[in-house]
Amino acid sequence: MQGVIKGIYNKGHVILEEIPETEGPIEVFVTFPTDFVAEQPKEHSKRVFGLGKGLVLYMSPDFNEPLEDLKDYM
């Protein structure tokens, strides 16, 4: 059974405008209109010094040499 039933969400509770005919518990999906959903502020975690240490396993010996494609600009 698929259907859409309008309802109101208030402080963790959903009040449906009509009662569906179901036999026992049934999985539901609640979709909020994007106009009414307040965005939660994102918490930024502080970066830890040395977080990327050990991620680069190989670096070419000529890594710092100028690139052939950019010689006209140097």
C-alpha atoms as a PDB file:
ATOM      1  CA  MET A   1       0.000   0.000   0.000  1.00  0.00           C
ATOM      2  CA  GLN A   2       1.317   3.404  -0.935  1.00  0.00           C
ATOM      3  CA  GLY A   3      -0.299   6.663  -0.125  1.00  0.00           C
ATOM      4  CA  VAL A   4       0.211  10.160   1.128  1.00  0.00           C
ATOM      5  CA  ILE A   5      -1.399  11.397   4.305  1.00  0.00           C
ATOM      6  CA  LYS A   6      -0.959  15.000   5.375  1.00  0.00           C
ATOM      7  CA  GLY A   7      -0.039  15.706   8.971  1.00  0.00           C
ATOM      8  CA  ILE A   8       1.510  18.184  11.353  1.00  0.00           C
ATOM      9  CA  TYR A   9       4.845  17.742  13.102  1.00  0.00           C
ATOM     10  CA  ASN A  10       5.192  19.359  16.528  1.00  0.00           C
ATOM     11  CA  LYS A  11       8.005  18.758  19.038  1.00  0.00           C
ATOM     12  CA  GLY A  12       8.764  15.192  17.999  1.00  0.00           C
ATOM     13  CA  HIS A  13       5.182  14.097  17.374  1.00  0.00           C
ATOM     14  CA  VAL A  14       3.328  13.680  14.081  1.00  0.00           C
ATOM     15  CA  ILE A  15      -0.437  14.199  14.088  1.00  0.00           C
ATOM     16  CA  LEU A  16      -2.067  12.756  10.962  1.00  0.00           C
ATOM     17  CA  GLU A  17      -5.152  14.349   9.394  1.00  0.00           C
ATOM     18  CA  GLU A  18      -6.601  10.903   8.696  1.00  0.00           C
ATOM     19  CA  ILE A  19      -5.959   7.439  10.079  1.00  0.00           C
ATOM     20  CA  PRO A  20      -4.641   4.876   7.557  1.00  0.00           C
ATOM     21  CA  GLU A  21      -6.122   1.389   7.445  1.00  0.00           C
ATOM     22  CA  THR A  22      -3.192  -0.882   8.275  1.00  0.00           C
ATOM     23  CA  GLU A  23      -2.718  -4.236   9.893  1.00  0.00           C
ATOM     24  CA  GLY A  24      -0.095  -3.737  12.574  1.00  0.00           C
ATOM     25  CA  PRO A  25       3.047  -1.620  12.433  1.00  0.00           C
ATOM     26  CA  ILE A  26       4.133  -0.243   9.065  1.00  0.00           C
ATOM     27  CA  GLU A  27       7.252   1.626   7.948  1.00  0.00           C
ATOM     28  CA  VAL A  28       6.690   5.292   7.123  1.00  0.00           C
ATOM     29  CA  PHE A  29       8.743   8.102   5.625  1.00  0.00           C
ATOM     30  CA  VAL A  30       8.322  11.691   6.783  1.00  0.00           C
ATOM     31  CA  THR A  31       9.244  14.409   4.285  1.00  0.00           C
ATOM     32  CA  PHE A  32       9.438  18.051   5.292  1.00  0.00           C
ATOM     33  CA  PRO A  33       8.989  20.836   2.746  1.00  0.00           C
ATOM     34  CA  THR A  34      12.340  22.580   2.313  1.00  0.00           C
ATOM     35  CA  ASP A  35      10.725  25.969   2.943  1.00  0.00           C
ATOM     36  CA  PHE A  36       9.964  25.042   6.543  1.00  0.00           C
ATOM     37  CA  VAL A  37      13.098  23.154   7.593  1.00  0.00           C
ATOM     38  CA  ALA A  38      15.565  25.312   9.502  1.00  0.00           C
ATOM     39  CA  GLU A  39      19.171  24.496   8.698  1.00  0.00           C
ATOM     40  CA  GLN A  40      21.218  23.407  11.669  1.00  0.00           C
ATOM     41  CA  PRO A  41      24.526  25.238  12.062  1.00  0.00           C
ATOM     42  CA  LYS A  42      27.436  22.981  11.181  1.00  0.00           C
ATOM     43  CA  GLU A  43      29.976  22.422  13.892  1.00  0.00           C
ATOM     44  CA  HIS A  44      33.487  22.880  12.619  1.00  0.00           C
ATOM     45  CA  SER A  45      36.059  20.649  14.178  1.00  0.00           C
ATOM     46  CA  LYS A  46      39.454  22.129  14.797  1.00  0.00           C
ATOM     47  CA  ARG A  47      42.197  20.829  12.600  1.00  0.00           C
ATOM     48  CA  VAL A  48      44.936  18.926  14.333  1.00  0.00           C
ATOM     49  CA  PHE A  49      48.518  19.687  13.326  1.00  0.00           C
ATOM     50  CA  GLY A  50      50.036  16.742  11.479  1.00  0.00           C
ATOM     51  CA  LEU A  51      46.698  15.207  10.513  1.00  0.00           C
ATOM     52  CA  GLY A  52      47.954  14.233   7.036  1.00  0.00           C
ATOM     53  CA  LYS A  53      51.281  12.872   8.219  1.00  0.00           C
ATOM     54  CA  GLY A  54      52.074   9.554   6.574  1.00  0.00           C
ATOM     55  CA  LEU A  55      49.480   9.897   3.803  1.00  0.00           C
ATOM     56  CA  VAL A  56      52.005  10.642   1.037  1.00  0.00           C
ATOM     57  CA  LEU A  57      53.844   7.387   0.436  1.00  0.00           C
ATOM     58  CA  TYR A  58      55.829   8.336  -2.683  1.00  0.00           C
ATOM     59  CA  MET A  59      57.008  11.641  -4.164  1.00  0.00           C
ATOM     60  CA  SER A  60      58.828  11.873  -7.460  1.00  0.00           C
ATOM     61  CA  PRO A  61      62.447  13.138  -7.210  1.00  0.00           C
ATOM     62  CA  ASP A  62      61.645  15.957  -9.698  1.00  0.00           C
ATOM     63  CA  PHE A  63      58.534  17.094  -7.802  1.00  0.00           C
ATOM     64  CA  ASN A  64      59.770  20.692  -7.383  1.00  0.00           C
ATOM     65  CA  GLU A  65      61.101  21.030 -10.953  1.00  0.00           C
ATOM     66  CA  PRO A  66      59.235  23.336 -13.383  1.00  0.00           C
ATOM     67  CA  LEU A  67      56.666  21.639 -15.606  1.00  0.00           C
ATOM     68  CA  GLU A  68      57.370  21.415 -19.337  1.00  0.00           C
ATOM     69  CA  ASP A  69      53.922  22.738 -20.203  1.00  0.00           C
ATOM     70  CA  LEU A  70      54.468  25.957 -18.228  1.00  0.00           C
ATOM     71  CA  LYS A  71      57.971  26.870 -19.478  1.00  0.00           C
ATOM     72  CA  ASP A  72      56.510  29.533 -21.833  1.00  0.00           C
ATOM     73  CA  TYR A  73      55.099  31.385 -18.818  1.00  0.00           C
ATOM     74  CA  MET A  74      58.308  31.462 -16.772  1.00  0.00           C
END
